[in-house]
C-alpha atoms as a PDB file:
ATOM      1  CA  MET A   1      59.532  86.208 150.440  1.00  0.00           C
ATOM      2  CA  LYS A   2      62.055  86.643 147.699  1.00  0.00           C
ATOM      3  CA  ILE A   3      63.663  83.567 146.150  1.00  0.00           C
ATOM      4  CA  THR A   4      67.126  84.031 144.729  1.00  0.00           C
ATOM      5  CA  GLY A   5      68.671  82.042 141.874  1.00  0.00           C
ATOM      6  CA  SER A   6      70.711  79.833 144.195  1.00  0.00           C
ATOM      7  CA  GLN A   7      67.644  79.073 146.352  1.00  0.00           C
ATOM      8  CA  PHE A   8      65.670  78.187 143.238  1.00  0.00           C
ATOM      9  CA  GLN A   9      68.425  75.763 142.178  1.00  0.00           C
ATOM     10  CA  GLN A  10      68.357  74.122 145.619  1.00  0.00           C
ATOM     11  CA  ILE A  11      64.584  73.718 145.445  1.00  0.00           C
ATOM     12  CA  ALA A  12      64.829  72.269 141.919  1.00  0.00           C
ATOM     13  CA  LYS A  13      67.467  69.761 143.093  1.00  0.00           C
ATOM     14  CA  MET A  14      65.212  68.696 145.993  1.00  0.00           C
ATOM     15  CA  TYR A  15      62.302  68.075 143.637  1.00  0.00           C
ATOM     16  CA  GLN A  16      64.526  66.164 141.226  1.00  0.00           C
ATOM     17  CA  LYS A  17      65.849  64.002 144.047  1.00  0.00           C
ATOM     18  CA  LYS A  18      62.328  63.240 145.342  1.00  0.00           C
ATOM     19  CA  ASN A  19      61.135  62.503 141.810  1.00  0.00           C
ATOM     20  CA  ALA A  20      64.046  60.090 141.257  1.00  0.00           C
ATOM     21  CA  GLN A  21      63.280  58.335 144.572  1.00  0.00           C
ATOM     22  CA  PHE A  22      59.620  58.031 143.603  1.00  0.00           C
ATOM     23  CA  LYS A  23      60.519  56.560 140.200  1.00  0.00           C
ATOM     24  CA  ASP A  24      62.881  54.051 141.821  1.00  0.00           C
ATOM     25  CA  SER A  25      60.252  52.928 144.328  1.00  0.00           C
ATOM     26  CA  THR A  26      57.514  52.536 141.687  1.00  0.00           C
ATOM     27  CA  GLU A  27      59.914  50.634 139.417  1.00  0.00           C
ATOM     28  CA  SER A  28      60.696  48.111 142.169  1.00  0.00           C
ATOM     29  CA  ILE A  29      56.986  47.689 142.881  1.00  0.00           C
ATOM     30  CA  ARG A  30      56.215  47.204 139.183  1.00  0.00           C
ATOM     31  CA  ASN A  31      58.962  44.580 138.862  1.00  0.00           C
ATOM     32  CA  SER A  32      57.680  42.615 141.855  1.00  0.00           C
ATOM     33  CA  ASP A  33      54.031  42.285 140.706  1.00  0.00           C
ATOM     34  CA  LYS A  34      53.170  38.716 139.727  1.00  0.00           C
ATOM     35  CA  VAL A  35      50.050  36.753 138.895  1.00  0.00           C
ATOM     36  CA  ASN A  36      49.740  33.042 139.550  1.00  0.00           C
ATOM     37  CA  LEU A  37      46.881  31.197 137.899  1.00  0.00           C
ATOM     38  CA  SER A  38      45.509  28.047 139.421  1.00  0.00           C
ATOM     39  CA  GLN A  39      44.926  24.887 137.417  1.00  0.00           C
ATOM     40  CA  VAL A  40      41.277  25.919 137.062  1.00  0.00           C
ATOM     41  CA  GLY A  41      42.382  29.316 135.766  1.00  0.00           C
ATOM     42  CA  HIS A  42      44.591  27.684 133.137  1.00  0.00           C
ATOM     43  CA  GLU A  43      41.724  25.411 132.094  1.00  0.00           C
ATOM     44  CA  LEU A  44      39.328  28.358 131.842  1.00  0.00           C
ATOM     45  CA  LYS A  45      41.833  30.244 129.678  1.00  0.00           C
ATOM     46  CA  ARG A  46      42.211  27.218 127.401  1.00  0.00           C
ATOM     47  CA  ILE A  47      38.424  26.916 127.061  1.00  0.00           C
ATOM     48  CA  HIS A  48      38.135  30.663 126.389  1.00  0.00           C
ATOM     49  CA  ASP A  49      40.778  30.423 123.652  1.00  0.00           C
ATOM     50  CA  ILE A  50      38.962  27.497 121.997  1.00  0.00           C
ATOM     51  CA  LEU A  51      35.602  29.264 122.153  1.00  0.00           C
ATOM     52  CA  SER A  52      37.016  32.499 120.770  1.00  0.00           C
ATOM     53  CA  GLN A  53      38.198  30.584 117.686  1.00  0.00           C
ATOM     54  CA  THR A  54      34.827  28.871 117.182  1.00  0.00           C
ATOM     55  CA  PRO A  55      32.463  30.742 114.868  1.00  0.00           C
ATOM     56  CA  ASN A  56      29.089  31.786 116.283  1.00  0.00           C
ATOM     57  CA  ILE A  57      27.284  30.827 113.073  1.00  0.00           C
ATOM     58  CA  ARG A  58      27.248  27.274 111.762  1.00  0.00           C
ATOM     59  CA  THR A  59      27.642  28.183 108.106  1.00  0.00           C
ATOM     60  CA  ASP A  60      27.245  24.591 106.943  1.00  0.00           C
ATOM     61  CA  LYS A  61      23.843  24.324 108.622  1.00  0.00           C
ATOM     62  CA  VAL A  62      22.775  27.767 107.369  1.00  0.00           C
ATOM     63  CA  ASN A  63      23.738  26.867 103.802  1.00  0.00           C
ATOM     64  CA  GLN A  64      21.804  23.576 104.038  1.00  0.00           C
ATOM     65  CA  LEU A  65      18.686  25.386 105.204  1.00  0.00           C
ATOM     66  CA  LYS A  66      19.032  28.065 102.517  1.00  0.00           C
ATOM     67  CA  MET A  67      19.249  25.437  99.822  1.00  0.00           C
ATOM     68  CA  ALA A  68      16.217  23.548 101.186  1.00  0.00           C
ATOM     69  CA  ILE A  69      14.152  26.754 101.353  1.00  0.00           C
ATOM     70  CA  GLN A  70      15.151  27.773  97.818  1.00  0.00           C
ATOM     71  CA  ALA A  71      14.352  24.288  96.517  1.00  0.00           C
ATOM     72  CA  GLY A  72      11.007  24.317  98.311  1.00  0.00           C
ATOM     73  CA  THR A  73      11.831  21.141 100.246  1.00  0.00           C
ATOM     74  CA  TYR A  74      12.111  22.727 103.709  1.00  0.00           C
ATOM     75  CA  GLU A  75       9.281  21.595 105.940  1.00  0.00           C
ATOM     76  CA  VAL A  76       8.338  23.249 109.195  1.00  0.00           C
ATOM     77  CA  LYS A  77       7.270  20.679 111.773  1.00  0.00           C
ATOM     78  CA  GLY A  78       4.864  22.151 114.295  1.00  0.00           C
ATOM     79  CA  GLU A  79       5.646  19.458 116.869  1.00  0.00           C
ATOM     80  CA  LYS A  80       9.355  20.335 116.887  1.00  0.00           C
ATOM     81  CA  ILE A  81       8.582  24.044 117.265  1.00  0.00           C
ATOM     82  CA  ALA A  82       6.185  23.328 120.159  1.00  0.00           C
ATOM     83  CA  GLU A  83       8.743  21.058 121.870  1.00  0.00           C
ATOM     84  CA  LYS A  84      11.456  23.722 121.670  1.00  0.00           C
ATOM     85  CA  MET A  85       9.099  26.422 122.956  1.00  0.00           C
ATOM     86  CA  ILE A  86       8.099  24.293 125.952  1.00  0.00           C
ATOM     87  CA  GLU A  87      11.705  23.276 126.560  1.00  0.00           C
ATOM     88  CA  GLY A  88      12.799  26.917 126.516  1.00  0.00           C
ATOM     89  CA  HIS A  89       9.998  27.902 128.863  1.00  0.00           C
ATOM     90  CA  LEU A  90      10.902  25.146 131.345  1.00  0.00           C
ATOM     91  CA  ILE A  91      14.574  26.060 131.268  1.00  0.00           C
ATOM     92  CA  ASP A  92      13.675  29.711 131.906  1.00  0.00           C
ATOM     93  CA  LYS A  93      11.546  28.644 134.895  1.00  0.00           C
ATOM     94  CA  ILE A  94      14.358  26.534 136.348  1.00  0.00           C
ATOM     95  CA  ILE A  95      17.110  29.111 135.832  1.00  0.00           C
ATOM     96  CA  GLY A  96      15.166  32.306 136.450  1.00  0.00           C
END
């Protein structure tokens, strides 16, 4: 089949018209998309924002401990370590 110049132009116009229709339909869909957050969603976002601004490391506590270690006044209490180990183990049992 041989396509002449005028036939090619007609085919190109058809594709352009379909492409324009497709763009118009996707634009109307894009403009109509909406998200509504519930009150819980807003609260979760607020909490997330607060937590993202909170540092993971308590620098004041770290500096205190560093100074105590350097001064030789830091004491390790075996009872506290044992309590935390048992506490962690119990929490793991309950959760896991």
